[in-house]
Amino acid sequence: MEPVKCPFCNPSANEIIAKNDLCYARWDLYPVSRGHLLVIPFRHTLDFFSMTPEERVAVLALIDSCKDVIEAKFSPAGYNIGFNVGLAGGQTVMHCHCHVIPRYVGDVPDPRGGIRGVVPGKRGY
């Protein structure tokens, strides 16, 4: 049986929109908003908790760089930034990646609670 090919390992040069020594960024192939991108460690590692401290710093630094790219191209009004960890946490590709999701005024009726909305009925306070 052929091993499953990881879609985030060995990215092609035309997929990479920004990078540093330990990670790269690419546009999400299934974006939830204009400018949705992923920041991904080059090393195949399962999730946020399996990254090295150096990889975590590199991911955060690249998020900062990518914000400039997103701002120039899309001018969002806000962001949701986060990792899905494990099947129960919504992770579908088992290679660590951080979602950088630009948000726009009016993209949802009531954005209060933001990321809390991943659990239905828990967005409000």
PDB file of N, CA and C in Angstrom:
ATOM      1  N   MET A   1       0.844  -1.184   0.000  1.00  0.00           N
ATOM      2  CA  MET A   1       0.000   0.000   0.000  1.00  0.00           C
ATOM      3  C   MET A   1       0.887   1.243   0.000  1.00  0.00           C
ATOM      4  N   GLU A   2       0.539   2.201  -0.824  1.00  0.00           N
ATOM      5  CA  GLU A   2       1.286   3.459  -0.963  1.00  0.00           C
ATOM      6  C   GLU A   2       0.978   4.378   0.219  1.00  0.00           C
ATOM      7  N   PRO A   3       2.010   4.984   0.862  1.00  0.00           N
ATOM      8  CA  PRO A   3       1.731   5.909   1.964  1.00  0.00           C
ATOM      9  C   PRO A   3       0.995   7.154   1.457  1.00  0.00           C
ATOM     10  N   VAL A   4       0.186   7.733   2.332  1.00  0.00           N
ATOM     11  CA  VAL A   4      -0.544   8.947   1.985  1.00  0.00           C
ATOM     12  C   VAL A   4       0.450  10.098   1.857  1.00  0.00           C
ATOM     13  N   LYS A   5       0.338  10.841   0.776  1.00  0.00           N
ATOM     14  CA  LYS A   5       1.236  11.977   0.555  1.00  0.00           C
ATOM     15  C   LYS A   5       0.697  13.176   1.325  1.00  0.00           C
ATOM     16  N   CYS A   6       1.547  13.797   2.112  1.00  0.00           N
ATOM     17  CA  CYS A   6       1.143  14.969   2.885  1.00  0.00           C
ATOM     18  C   CYS A   6       1.037  16.173   1.950  1.00  0.00           C
ATOM     19  N   PRO A   7      -0.116  16.862   1.944  1.00  0.00           N
ATOM     20  CA  PRO A   7      -0.272  18.013   1.049  1.00  0.00           C
ATOM     21  C   PRO A   7       0.549  19.238   1.459  1.00  0.00           C
ATOM     22  N   PHE A   8       1.131  19.217   2.667  1.00  0.00           N
ATOM     23  CA  PHE A   8       1.896  20.372   3.136  1.00  0.00           C
ATOM     24  C   PHE A   8       3.405  20.151   3.107  1.00  0.00           C
ATOM     25  N   CYS A   9       3.840  18.917   2.913  1.00  0.00           N
ATOM     26  CA  CYS A   9       5.273  18.647   2.798  1.00  0.00           C
ATOM     27  C   CYS A   9       5.731  18.976   1.376  1.00  0.00           C
ATOM     28  N   ASN A  10       6.928  19.483   1.255  1.00  0.00           N
ATOM     29  CA  ASN A  10       7.540  19.775  -0.043  1.00  0.00           C
ATOM     30  C   ASN A  10       6.687  20.684  -0.926  1.00  0.00           C
ATOM     31  N   PRO A  11       6.367  21.883  -0.453  1.00  0.00           N
ATOM     32  CA  PRO A  11       5.561  22.795  -1.272  1.00  0.00           C
ATOM     33  C   PRO A  11       6.338  23.262  -2.504  1.00  0.00           C
ATOM     34  N   SER A  12       5.614  23.508  -3.567  1.00  0.00           N
ATOM     35  CA  SER A  12       6.267  24.051  -4.763  1.00  0.00           C
ATOM     36  C   SER A  12       6.498  25.547  -4.562  1.00  0.00           C
ATOM     37  N   ALA A  13       7.452  26.075  -5.281  1.00  0.00           N
ATOM     38  CA  ALA A  13       7.805  27.492  -5.128  1.00  0.00           C
ATOM     39  C   ALA A  13       6.624  28.407  -5.426  1.00  0.00           C
ATOM     40  N   ASN A  14       5.756  28.022  -6.360  1.00  0.00           N
ATOM     41  CA  ASN A  14       4.632  28.894  -6.703  1.00  0.00           C
ATOM     42  C   ASN A  14       3.518  28.869  -5.656  1.00  0.00           C
ATOM     43  N   GLU A  15       3.542  27.911  -4.736  1.00  0.00           N
ATOM     44  CA  GLU A  15       2.565  27.881  -3.631  1.00  0.00           C
ATOM     45  C   GLU A  15       2.957  28.830  -2.500  1.00  0.00           C
ATOM     46  N   ILE A  16       4.241  29.071  -2.344  1.00  0.00           N
ATOM     47  CA  ILE A  16       4.758  29.818  -1.196  1.00  0.00           C
ATOM     48  C   ILE A  16       4.610  31.315  -1.433  1.00  0.00           C
ATOM     49  N   ILE A  17       3.887  31.984  -0.508  1.00  0.00           N
ATOM     50  CA  ILE A  17       3.744  33.437  -0.633  1.00  0.00           C
ATOM     51  C   ILE A  17       4.688  34.182   0.307  1.00  0.00           C
ATOM     52  N   ALA A  18       5.178  33.482   1.329  1.00  0.00           N
ATOM     53  CA  ALA A  18       6.159  34.045   2.264  1.00  0.00           C
ATOM     54  C   ALA A  18       6.797  32.873   2.996  1.00  0.00           C
ATOM     55  N   LYS A  19       8.014  33.081   3.498  1.00  0.00           N
ATOM     56  CA  LYS A  19       8.671  32.005   4.237  1.00  0.00           C
ATOM     57  C   LYS A  19       9.783  32.567   5.093  1.00  0.00           C
ATOM     58  N   ASN A  20      10.209  31.730   6.035  1.00  0.00           N
ATOM     59  CA  ASN A  20      11.439  31.966   6.776  1.00  0.00           C
ATOM     60  C   ASN A  20      12.153  30.622   6.841  1.00  0.00           C
ATOM     61  N   ASP A  21      13.143  30.485   7.686  1.00  0.00           N
ATOM     62  CA  ASP A  21      13.926  29.248   7.700  1.00  0.00           C
ATOM     63  C   ASP A  21      13.129  28.018   8.122  1.00  0.00           C
ATOM     64  N   LEU A  22      12.086  28.194   8.938  1.00  0.00           N
ATOM     65  CA  LEU A  22      11.396  27.049   9.526  1.00  0.00           C
ATOM     66  C   LEU A  22       9.958  26.847   9.064  1.00  0.00           C
ATOM     67  N   CYS A  23       9.377  27.834   8.390  1.00  0.00           N
ATOM     68  CA  CYS A  23       7.980  27.677   7.977  1.00  0.00           C
ATOM     69  C   CYS A  23       7.688  28.506   6.733  1.00  0.00           C
ATOM     70  N   TYR A  24       6.529  28.237   6.162  1.00  0.00           N
ATOM     71  CA  TYR A  24       6.110  28.964   4.966  1.00  0.00           C
ATOM     72  C   TYR A  24       4.623  29.267   5.052  1.00  0.00           C
ATOM     73  N   ALA A  25       4.179  30.186   4.204  1.00  0.00           N
ATOM     74  CA  ALA A  25       2.761  30.536   4.133  1.00  0.00           C
ATOM     75  C   ALA A  25       2.260  30.288   2.719  1.00  0.00           C
ATOM     76  N   ARG A  26       1.007  29.850   2.640  1.00  0.00           N
ATOM     77  CA  ARG A  26       0.339  29.652   1.353  1.00  0.00           C
ATOM     78  C   ARG A  26      -1.124  30.017   1.510  1.00  0.00           C
ATOM     79  N   TRP A  27      -1.764  30.363   0.408  1.00  0.00           N
ATOM     80  CA  TRP A  27      -3.196  30.626   0.451  1.00  0.00           C
ATOM     81  C   TRP A  27      -3.921  29.324   0.749  1.00  0.00           C
ATOM     82  N   ASP A  28      -4.968  29.395   1.544  1.00  0.00           N
ATOM     83  CA  ASP A  28      -5.787  28.222   1.828  1.00  0.00           C
ATOM     84  C   ASP A  28      -6.545  27.841   0.555  1.00  0.00           C
ATOM     85  N   LEU A  29      -6.548  26.559   0.220  1.00  0.00           N
ATOM     86  CA  LEU A  29      -7.241  26.111  -0.986  1.00  0.00           C
ATOM     87  C   LEU A  29      -8.757  26.135  -0.831  1.00  0.00           C
ATOM     88  N   TYR A  30      -9.240  26.187   0.407  1.00  0.00           N
ATOM     89  CA  TYR A  30     -10.677  26.237   0.694  1.00  0.00           C
ATOM     90  C   TYR A  30     -10.940  27.401   1.645  1.00  0.00           C
ATOM     91  N   PRO A  31     -10.714  28.634   1.189  1.00  0.00           N
ATOM     92  CA  PRO A  31     -10.771  29.789   2.097  1.00  0.00           C
ATOM     93  C   PRO A  31     -12.170  30.060   2.631  1.00  0.00           C
ATOM     94  N   VAL A  32     -12.213  30.469   3.891  1.00  0.00           N
ATOM     95  CA  VAL A  32     -13.489  30.878   4.488  1.00  0.00           C
ATOM     96  C   VAL A  32     -13.707  32.377   4.326  1.00  0.00           C
ATOM     97  N   SER A  33     -12.672  33.102   3.894  1.00  0.00           N
ATOM     98  CA  SER A  33     -12.796  34.530   3.590  1.00  0.00           C
ATOM     99  C   SER A  33     -11.691  34.906   2.608  1.00  0.00           C
ATOM    100  N   ARG A  34     -11.822  36.077   2.000  1.00  0.00           N
ATOM    101  CA  ARG A  34     -10.775  36.577   1.102  1.00  0.00           C
ATOM    102  C   ARG A  34      -9.483  36.766   1.898  1.00  0.00           C
ATOM    103  N   GLY A  35      -8.400  36.181   1.405  1.00  0.00           N
ATOM    104  CA  GLY A  35      -7.108  36.351   2.054  1.00  0.00           C
ATOM    105  C   GLY A  35      -6.766  35.300   3.096  1.00  0.00           C
ATOM    106  N   HIS A  36      -7.621  34.290   3.278  1.00  0.00           N
ATOM    107  CA  HIS A  36      -7.362  33.210   4.240  1.00  0.00           C
ATOM    108  C   HIS A  36      -6.087  32.483   3.816  1.00  0.00           C
ATOM    109  N   LEU A  37      -5.128  32.436   4.727  1.00  0.00           N
ATOM    110  CA  LEU A  37      -3.899  31.716   4.428  1.00  0.00           C
ATOM    111  C   LEU A  37      -3.505  30.804   5.576  1.00  0.00           C
ATOM    112  N   LEU A  38      -2.548  29.942   5.286  1.00  0.00           N
ATOM    113  CA  LEU A  38      -2.025  28.984   6.258  1.00  0.00           C
ATOM    114  C   LEU A  38      -0.540  29.247   6.459  1.00  0.00           C
ATOM    115  N   VAL A  39      -0.094  29.146   7.701  1.00  0.00           N
ATOM    116  CA  VAL A  39       1.329  29.197   8.028  1.00  0.00           C
ATOM    117  C   VAL A  39       1.698  27.800   8.509  1.00  0.00           C
ATOM    118  N   ILE A  40       2.704  27.204   7.865  1.00  0.00           N
ATOM    119  CA  ILE A  40       2.977  25.772   8.000  1.00  0.00           C
ATOM    120  C   ILE A  40       4.463  25.531   8.248  1.00  0.00           C
ATOM    121  N   PRO A  41       4.824  24.777   9.287  1.00  0.00           N
ATOM    122  CA  PRO A  41       6.229  24.406   9.457  1.00  0.00           C
ATOM    123  C   PRO A  41       6.699  23.540   8.278  1.00  0.00           C
ATOM    124  N   PHE A  42       7.926  23.746   7.820  1.00  0.00           N
ATOM    125  CA  PHE A  42       8.476  22.882   6.775  1.00  0.00           C
ATOM    126  C   PHE A  42       8.594  21.446   7.280  1.00  0.00           C
ATOM    127  N   ARG A  43       9.020  21.288   8.520  1.00  0.00           N
ATOM    128  CA  ARG A  43       9.179  19.951   9.093  1.00  0.00           C
ATOM    129  C   ARG A  43       7.794  19.338   9.292  1.00  0.00           C
ATOM    130  N   HIS A  44       7.652  18.077   8.915  1.00  0.00           N
ATOM    131  CA  HIS A  44       6.371  17.403   9.135  1.00  0.00           C
ATOM    132  C   HIS A  44       6.226  17.133  10.633  1.00  0.00           C
ATOM    133  N   THR A  45       5.329  17.860  11.244  1.00  0.00           N
ATOM    134  CA  THR A  45       5.053  17.712  12.670  1.00  0.00           C
ATOM    135  C   THR A  45       3.545  17.769  12.844  1.00  0.00           C
ATOM    136  N   LEU A  46       3.027  17.010  13.789  1.00  0.00           N
ATOM    137  CA  LEU A  46       1.587  16.783  13.884  1.00  0.00           C
ATOM    138  C   LEU A  46       0.765  18.036  14.148  1.00  0.00           C
ATOM    139  N   ASP A  47       1.129  18.792  15.193  1.00  0.00           N
ATOM    140  CA  ASP A  47       0.248  19.885  15.608  1.00  0.00           C
ATOM    141  C   ASP A  47       1.023  20.932  16.403  1.00  0.00           C
ATOM    142  N   PHE A  48       0.310  21.916  16.911  1.00  0.00           N
ATOM    143  CA  PHE A  48       0.921  23.005  17.677  1.00  0.00           C
ATOM    144  C   PHE A  48       1.794  22.475  18.806  1.00  0.00           C
ATOM    145  N   PHE A  49       1.320  21.467  19.493  1.00  0.00           N
ATOM    146  CA  PHE A  49       2.022  20.966  20.675  1.00  0.00           C
ATOM    147  C   PHE A  49       3.268  20.160  20.334  1.00  0.00           C
ATOM    148  N   SER A  50       3.413  19.747  19.085  1.00  0.00           N
ATOM    149  CA  SER A  50       4.613  18.997  18.693  1.00  0.00           C
ATOM    150  C   SER A  50       5.662  19.884  18.016  1.00  0.00           C
ATOM    151  N   MET A  51       5.359  21.164  17.843  1.00  0.00           N
ATOM    152  CA  MET A  51       6.359  22.081  17.287  1.00  0.00           C
ATOM    153  C   MET A  51       7.450  22.352  18.317  1.00  0.00           C
ATOM    154  N   THR A  52       8.646  22.619  17.828  1.00  0.00           N
ATOM    155  CA  THR A  52       9.729  23.041  18.713  1.00  0.00           C
ATOM    156  C   THR A  52       9.488  24.500  19.112  1.00  0.00           C
ATOM    157  N   PRO A  53      10.120  24.948  20.189  1.00  0.00           N
ATOM    158  CA  PRO A  53      10.001  26.368  20.537  1.00  0.00           C
ATOM    159  C   PRO A  53      10.441  27.282  19.387  1.00  0.00           C
ATOM    160  N   GLU A  54      11.464  26.874  18.665  1.00  0.00           N
ATOM    161  CA  GLU A  54      11.944  27.679  17.540  1.00  0.00           C
ATOM    162  C   GLU A  54      10.906  27.748  16.420  1.00  0.00           C
ATOM    163  N   GLU A  55      10.232  26.640  16.168  1.00  0.00           N
ATOM    164  CA  GLU A  55       9.179  26.641  15.147  1.00  0.00           C
ATOM    165  C   GLU A  55       8.017  27.539  15.558  1.00  0.00           C
ATOM    166  N   ARG A  56       7.673  27.519  16.825  1.00  0.00           N
ATOM    167  CA  ARG A  56       6.582  28.386  17.297  1.00  0.00           C
ATOM    168  C   ARG A  56       6.926  29.858  17.079  1.00  0.00           C
ATOM    169  N   VAL A  57       8.150  30.238  17.396  1.00  0.00           N
ATOM    170  CA  VAL A  57       8.591  31.622  17.184  1.00  0.00           C
ATOM    171  C   VAL A  57       8.556  31.956  15.690  1.00  0.00           C
ATOM    172  N   ALA A  58       9.012  31.028  14.860  1.00  0.00           N
ATOM    173  CA  ALA A  58       9.035  31.259  13.412  1.00  0.00           C
ATOM    174  C   ALA A  58       7.626  31.412  12.845  1.00  0.00           C
ATOM    175  N   VAL A  59       6.687  30.606  13.328  1.00  0.00           N
ATOM    176  CA  VAL A  59       5.296  30.713  12.876  1.00  0.00           C
ATOM    177  C   VAL A  59       4.735  32.085  13.235  1.00  0.00           C
ATOM    178  N   LEU A  60       4.952  32.514  14.471  1.00  0.00           N
ATOM    179  CA  LEU A  60       4.439  33.828  14.889  1.00  0.00           C
ATOM    180  C   LEU A  60       5.060  34.960  14.075  1.00  0.00           C
ATOM    181  N   ALA A  61       6.353  34.858  13.800  1.00  0.00           N
ATOM    182  CA  ALA A  61       7.018  35.891  12.997  1.00  0.00           C
ATOM    183  C   ALA A  61       6.437  35.938  11.587  1.00  0.00           C
ATOM    184  N   LEU A  62       6.158  34.772  11.017  1.00  0.00           N
ATOM    185  CA  LEU A  62       5.620  34.747   9.661  1.00  0.00           C
ATOM    186  C   LEU A  62       4.176  35.245   9.623  1.00  0.00           C
ATOM    187  N   ILE A  63       3.421  34.997  10.678  1.00  0.00           N
ATOM    188  CA  ILE A  63       2.066  35.568  10.757  1.00  0.00           C
ATOM    189  C   ILE A  63       2.148  37.086  10.661  1.00  0.00           C
ATOM    190  N   ASP A  64       3.086  37.689  11.368  1.00  0.00           N
ATOM    191  CA  ASP A  64       3.272  39.144  11.293  1.00  0.00           C
ATOM    192  C   ASP A  64       3.573  39.595   9.862  1.00  0.00           C
ATOM    193  N   SER A  65       4.467  38.895   9.191  1.00  0.00           N
ATOM    194  CA  SER A  65       4.807  39.247   7.808  1.00  0.00           C
ATOM    195  C   SER A  65       3.606  39.090   6.884  1.00  0.00           C
ATOM    196  N   CYS A  66       2.857  38.027   7.087  1.00  0.00           N
ATOM    197  CA  CYS A  66       1.699  37.762   6.236  1.00  0.00           C
ATOM    198  C   CYS A  66       0.586  38.777   6.451  1.00  0.00           C
ATOM    199  N   LYS A  67       0.492  39.313   7.646  1.00  0.00           N
ATOM    200  CA  LYS A  67      -0.513  40.346   7.904  1.00  0.00           C
ATOM    201  C   LYS A  67      -0.303  41.508   6.942  1.00  0.00           C
ATOM    202  N   ASP A  68       0.945  41.888   6.717  1.00  0.00           N
ATOM    203  CA  ASP A  68       1.240  42.979   5.787  1.00  0.00           C
ATOM    204  C   ASP A  68       0.768  42.646   4.367  1.00  0.00           C
ATOM    205  N   VAL A  69       0.974  41.402   3.941  1.00  0.00           N
ATOM    206  CA  VAL A  69       0.537  40.960   2.614  1.00  0.00           C
ATOM    207  C   VAL A  69      -0.985  41.026   2.517  1.00  0.00           C
ATOM    208  N   ILE A  70      -1.661  40.504   3.539  1.00  0.00           N
ATOM    209  CA  ILE A  70      -3.126  40.493   3.542  1.00  0.00           C
ATOM    210  C   ILE A  70      -3.677  41.917   3.570  1.00  0.00           C
ATOM    211  N   GLU A  71      -3.099  42.759   4.423  1.00  0.00           N
ATOM    212  CA  GLU A  71      -3.570  44.150   4.533  1.00  0.00           C
ATOM    213  C   GLU A  71      -3.474  44.861   3.184  1.00  0.00           C
ATOM    214  N   ALA A  72      -2.348  44.698   2.501  1.00  0.00           N
ATOM    215  CA  ALA A  72      -2.141  45.388   1.230  1.00  0.00           C
ATOM    216  C   ALA A  72      -3.103  44.907   0.147  1.00  0.00           C
ATOM    217  N   LYS A  73      -3.419  43.624   0.174  1.00  0.00           N
ATOM    218  CA  LYS A  73      -4.226  43.039  -0.898  1.00  0.00           C
ATOM    219  C   LYS A  73      -5.727  43.057  -0.621  1.00  0.00           C
ATOM    220  N   PHE A  74      -6.137  42.947   0.663  1.00  0.00           N
ATOM    221  CA  PHE A  74      -7.554  42.748   0.976  1.00  0.00           C
ATOM    222  C   PHE A  74      -8.160  43.755   1.956  1.00  0.00           C
ATOM    223  N   SER A  75      -7.361  44.457   2.726  1.00  0.00           N
ATOM    224  CA  SER A  75      -7.839  45.454   3.705  1.00  0.00           C
ATOM    225  C   SER A  75      -8.934  44.930   4.642  1.00  0.00           C
ATOM    226  N   PRO A  76      -8.670  43.850   5.376  1.00  0.00           N
ATOM    227  CA  PRO A  76      -9.691  43.345   6.300  1.00  0.00           C
ATOM    228  C   PRO A  76      -9.863  44.260   7.510  1.00  0.00           C
ATOM    229  N   ALA A  77     -10.949  44.035   8.235  1.00  0.00           N
ATOM    230  CA  ALA A  77     -11.244  44.817   9.444  1.00  0.00           C
ATOM    231  C   ALA A  77     -10.807  44.098  10.714  1.00  0.00           C
ATOM    232  N   GLY A  78     -10.459  42.816  10.622  1.00  0.00           N
ATOM    233  CA  GLY A  78     -10.051  42.030  11.788  1.00  0.00           C
ATOM    234  C   GLY A  78      -9.524  40.674  11.345  1.00  0.00           C
ATOM    235  N   TYR A  79      -9.219  39.825  12.328  1.00  0.00           N
ATOM    236  CA  TYR A  79      -8.654  38.502  12.043  1.00  0.00           C
ATOM    237  C   TYR A  79      -9.117  37.483  13.072  1.00  0.00           C
ATOM    238  N   ASN A  80      -9.174  36.218  12.645  1.00  0.00           N
ATOM    239  CA  ASN A  80      -9.167  35.074  13.545  1.00  0.00           C
ATOM    240  C   ASN A  80      -7.907  34.299  13.189  1.00  0.00           C
ATOM    241  N   ILE A  81      -7.148  33.907  14.200  1.00  0.00           N
ATOM    242  CA  ILE A  81      -5.894  33.187  13.994  1.00  0.00           C
ATOM    243  C   ILE A  81      -5.910  31.976  14.908  1.00  0.00           C
ATOM    244  N   GLY A  82      -5.660  30.784  14.346  1.00  0.00           N
ATOM    245  CA  GLY A  82      -5.669  29.630  15.223  1.00  0.00           C
ATOM    246  C   GLY A  82      -5.293  28.315  14.573  1.00  0.00           C
ATOM    247  N   PHE A  83      -5.099  27.331  15.443  1.00  0.00           N
ATOM    248  CA  PHE A  83      -4.723  25.970  15.081  1.00  0.00           C
ATOM    249  C   PHE A  83      -5.876  25.030  15.415  1.00  0.00           C
ATOM    250  N   ASN A  84      -6.173  24.098  14.535  1.00  0.00           N
ATOM    251  CA  ASN A  84      -7.048  22.980  14.864  1.00  0.00           C
ATOM    252  C   ASN A  84      -6.123  21.844  15.297  1.00  0.00           C
ATOM    253  N   VAL A  85      -6.401  21.239  16.442  1.00  0.00           N
ATOM    254  CA  VAL A  85      -5.536  20.182  16.972  1.00  0.00           C
ATOM    255  C   VAL A  85      -6.372  18.932  17.212  1.00  0.00           C
ATOM    256  N   GLY A  86      -6.023  17.845  16.520  1.00  0.00           N
ATOM    257  CA  GLY A  86      -6.713  16.575  16.681  1.00  0.00           C
ATOM    258  C   GLY A  86      -8.044  16.541  15.942  1.00  0.00           C
ATOM    259  N   LEU A  87      -8.536  15.324  15.730  1.00  0.00           N
ATOM    260  CA  LEU A  87      -9.800  15.159  15.021  1.00  0.00           C
ATOM    261  C   LEU A  87     -10.943  15.875  15.724  1.00  0.00           C
ATOM    262  N   ALA A  88     -11.004  15.776  17.048  1.00  0.00           N
ATOM    263  CA  ALA A  88     -12.076  16.435  17.797  1.00  0.00           C
ATOM    264  C   ALA A  88     -11.967  17.950  17.724  1.00  0.00           C
ATOM    265  N   GLY A  89     -10.765  18.460  17.467  1.00  0.00           N
ATOM    266  CA  GLY A  89     -10.556  19.895  17.325  1.00  0.00           C
ATOM    267  C   GLY A  89     -10.724  20.378  15.891  1.00  0.00           C
ATOM    268  N   GLY A  90     -11.096  19.473  14.990  1.00  0.00           N
ATOM    269  CA  GLY A  90     -11.351  19.853  13.608  1.00  0.00           C
ATOM    270  C   GLY A  90     -10.178  19.697  12.660  1.00  0.00           C
ATOM    271  N   GLN A  91      -9.060  19.148  13.129  1.00  0.00           N
ATOM    272  CA  GLN A  91      -7.889  18.995  12.261  1.00  0.00           C
ATOM    273  C   GLN A  91      -8.153  17.910  11.226  1.00  0.00           C
ATOM    274  N   THR A  92      -7.976  18.243   9.951  1.00  0.00           N
ATOM    275  CA  THR A  92      -8.193  17.268   8.882  1.00  0.00           C
ATOM    276  C   THR A  92      -6.907  16.916   8.142  1.00  0.00           C
ATOM    277  N   VAL A  93      -5.904  17.783   8.198  1.00  0.00           N
ATOM    278  CA  VAL A  93      -4.583  17.477   7.643  1.00  0.00           C
ATOM    279  C   VAL A  93      -3.644  17.349   8.832  1.00  0.00           C
ATOM    280  N   MET A  94      -3.036  16.181   8.971  1.00  0.00           N
ATOM    281  CA  MET A  94      -2.231  15.900  10.157  1.00  0.00           C
ATOM    282  C   MET A  94      -0.787  16.366   9.991  1.00  0.00           C
ATOM    283  N   HIS A  95      -0.671  17.613   9.597  1.00  0.00           N
ATOM    284  CA  HIS A  95       0.595  18.346   9.533  1.00  0.00           C
ATOM    285  C   HIS A  95       0.241  19.709  10.101  1.00  0.00           C
ATOM    286  N   CYS A  96       0.935  20.110  11.127  1.00  0.00           N
ATOM    287  CA  CYS A  96       0.624  21.360  11.823  1.00  0.00           C
ATOM    288  C   CYS A  96       0.454  22.519  10.844  1.00  0.00           C
ATOM    289  N   HIS A  97      -0.572  23.319  11.067  1.00  0.00           N
ATOM    290  CA  HIS A  97      -0.765  24.533  10.273  1.00  0.00           C
ATOM    291  C   HIS A  97      -1.633  25.514  11.046  1.00  0.00           C
ATOM    292  N   CYS A  98      -1.330  26.780  10.877  1.00  0.00           N
ATOM    293  CA  CYS A  98      -2.062  27.855  11.539  1.00  0.00           C
ATOM    294  C   CYS A  98      -2.901  28.597  10.503  1.00  0.00           C
ATOM    295  N   HIS A  99      -4.189  28.740  10.796  1.00  0.00           N
ATOM    296  CA  HIS A  99      -5.085  29.499   9.924  1.00  0.00           C
ATOM    297  C   HIS A  99      -5.003  30.977  10.277  1.00  0.00           C
ATOM    298  N   VAL A 100      -4.802  31.809   9.282  1.00  0.00           N
ATOM    299  CA  VAL A 100      -4.889  33.259   9.430  1.00  0.00           C
ATOM    300  C   VAL A 100      -6.086  33.666   8.570  1.00  0.00           C
ATOM    301  N   ILE A 101      -7.188  34.009   9.247  1.00  0.00           N
ATOM    302  CA  ILE A 101      -8.456  34.252   8.563  1.00  0.00           C
ATOM    303  C   ILE A 101      -8.839  35.721   8.692  1.00  0.00           C
ATOM    304  N   PRO A 102      -8.732  36.471   7.604  1.00  0.00           N
ATOM    305  CA  PRO A 102      -9.165  37.865   7.644  1.00  0.00           C
ATOM    306  C   PRO A 102     -10.678  37.943   7.834  1.00  0.00           C
ATOM    307  N   ARG A 103     -11.108  38.968   8.556  1.00  0.00           N
ATOM    308  CA  ARG A 103     -12.541  39.182   8.795  1.00  0.00           C
ATOM    309  C   ARG A 103     -12.932  40.547   8.257  1.00  0.00           C
ATOM    310  N   TYR A 104     -14.172  40.640   7.826  1.00  0.00           N
ATOM    311  CA  TYR A 104     -14.676  41.846   7.191  1.00  0.00           C
ATOM    312  C   TYR A 104     -15.975  42.275   7.848  1.00  0.00           C
ATOM    313  N   VAL A 105     -16.174  43.580   7.941  1.00  0.00           N
ATOM    314  CA  VAL A 105     -17.417  44.107   8.499  1.00  0.00           C
ATOM    315  C   VAL A 105     -18.577  43.530   7.689  1.00  0.00           C
ATOM    316  N   GLY A 106     -19.533  42.923   8.403  1.00  0.00           N
ATOM    317  CA  GLY A 106     -20.709  42.361   7.757  1.00  0.00           C
ATOM    318  C   GLY A 106     -20.557  40.941   7.247  1.00  0.00           C
ATOM    319  N   ASP A 107     -19.388  40.290   7.461  1.00  0.00           N
ATOM    320  CA  ASP A 107     -19.235  38.921   6.953  1.00  0.00           C
ATOM    321  C   ASP A 107     -20.087  37.913   7.722  1.00  0.00           C
ATOM    322  N   VAL A 108     -20.453  38.247   8.948  1.00  0.00           N
ATOM    323  CA  VAL A 108     -21.445  37.490   9.726  1.00  0.00           C
ATOM    324  C   VAL A 108     -22.329  38.515  10.434  1.00  0.00           C
ATOM    325  N   PRO A 109     -23.566  38.135  10.762  1.00  0.00           N
ATOM    326  CA  PRO A 109     -24.465  39.109  11.394  1.00  0.00           C
ATOM    327  C   PRO A 109     -23.952  39.661  12.724  1.00  0.00           C
ATOM    328  N   ASP A 110     -23.345  38.811  13.555  1.00  0.00           N
ATOM    329  CA  ASP A 110     -22.864  39.248  14.867  1.00  0.00           C
ATOM    330  C   ASP A 110     -21.551  38.539  15.167  1.00  0.00           C
ATOM    331  N   PRO A 111     -20.416  39.207  14.965  1.00  0.00           N
ATOM    332  CA  PRO A 111     -19.128  38.547  15.153  1.00  0.00           C
ATOM    333  C   PRO A 111     -18.676  38.402  16.605  1.00  0.00           C
ATOM    334  N   ARG A 112     -19.419  38.959  17.548  1.00  0.00           N
ATOM    335  CA  ARG A 112     -18.978  38.893  18.949  1.00  0.00           C
ATOM    336  C   ARG A 112     -18.735  37.446  19.372  1.00  0.00           C
ATOM    337  N   GLY A 113     -17.656  37.233  20.086  1.00  0.00           N
ATOM    338  CA  GLY A 113     -17.296  35.896  20.541  1.00  0.00           C
ATOM    339  C   GLY A 113     -16.324  35.195  19.615  1.00  0.00           C
ATOM    340  N   GLY A 114     -16.237  35.654  18.367  1.00  0.00           N
ATOM    341  CA  GLY A 114     -15.256  35.142  17.412  1.00  0.00           C
ATOM    342  C   GLY A 114     -15.035  33.647  17.444  1.00  0.00           C
ATOM    343  N   ILE A 115     -13.860  33.246  17.855  1.00  0.00           N
ATOM    344  CA  ILE A 115     -13.440  31.849  17.822  1.00  0.00           C
ATOM    345  C   ILE A 115     -14.288  30.944  18.717  1.00  0.00           C
ATOM    346  N   ARG A 116     -14.968  31.535  19.683  1.00  0.00           N
ATOM    347  CA  ARG A 116     -15.862  30.740  20.533  1.00  0.00           C
ATOM    348  C   ARG A 116     -16.971  30.085  19.714  1.00  0.00           C
ATOM    349  N   GLY A 117     -17.226  30.609  18.528  1.00  0.00           N
ATOM    350  CA  GLY A 117     -18.270  30.076  17.669  1.00  0.00           C
ATOM    351  C   GLY A 117     -17.977  28.706  17.085  1.00  0.00           C
ATOM    352  N   VAL A 118     -16.786  28.163  17.327  1.00  0.00           N
ATOM    353  CA  VAL A 118     -16.501  26.819  16.821  1.00  0.00           C
ATOM    354  C   VAL A 118     -17.370  25.776  17.507  1.00  0.00           C
ATOM    355  N   VAL A 119     -17.890  26.095  18.687  1.00  0.00           N
ATOM    356  CA  VAL A 119     -18.830  25.208  19.376  1.00  0.00           C
ATOM    357  C   VAL A 119     -20.207  25.859  19.263  1.00  0.00           C
ATOM    358  N   PRO A 120     -21.125  25.244  18.514  1.00  0.00           N
ATOM    359  CA  PRO A 120     -22.440  25.852  18.321  1.00  0.00           C
ATOM    360  C   PRO A 120     -23.097  26.242  19.645  1.00  0.00           C
ATOM    361  N   GLY A 121     -23.654  27.439  19.663  1.00  0.00           N
ATOM    362  CA  GLY A 121     -24.349  27.926  20.849  1.00  0.00           C
ATOM    363  C   GLY A 121     -23.453  28.522  21.915  1.00  0.00           C
ATOM    364  N   LYS A 122     -22.133  28.528  21.718  1.00  0.00           N
ATOM    365  CA  LYS A 122     -21.205  29.020  22.747  1.00  0.00           C
ATOM    366  C   LYS A 122     -20.573  30.360  22.393  1.00  0.00           C
ATOM    367  N   ARG A 123     -20.957  30.952  21.280  1.00  0.00           N
ATOM    368  CA  ARG A 123     -20.342  32.208  20.856  1.00  0.00           C
ATOM    369  C   ARG A 123     -20.660  33.339  21.826  1.00  0.00           C
ATOM    370  N   GLY A 124     -21.895  33.436  22.284  1.00  0.00           N
ATOM    371  CA  GLY A 124     -22.283  34.523  23.187  1.00  0.00           C
ATOM    372  C   GLY A 124     -21.746  34.319  24.591  1.00  0.00           C
ATOM    373  N   TYR A 125     -21.859  35.366  25.382  1.00  0.00           N
ATOM    374  CA  TYR A 125     -21.359  35.295  26.763  1.00  0.00           C
ATOM    375  C   TYR A 125     -22.513  35.239  27.727  1.00  0.00           C
TER     376      TYR A 125
END
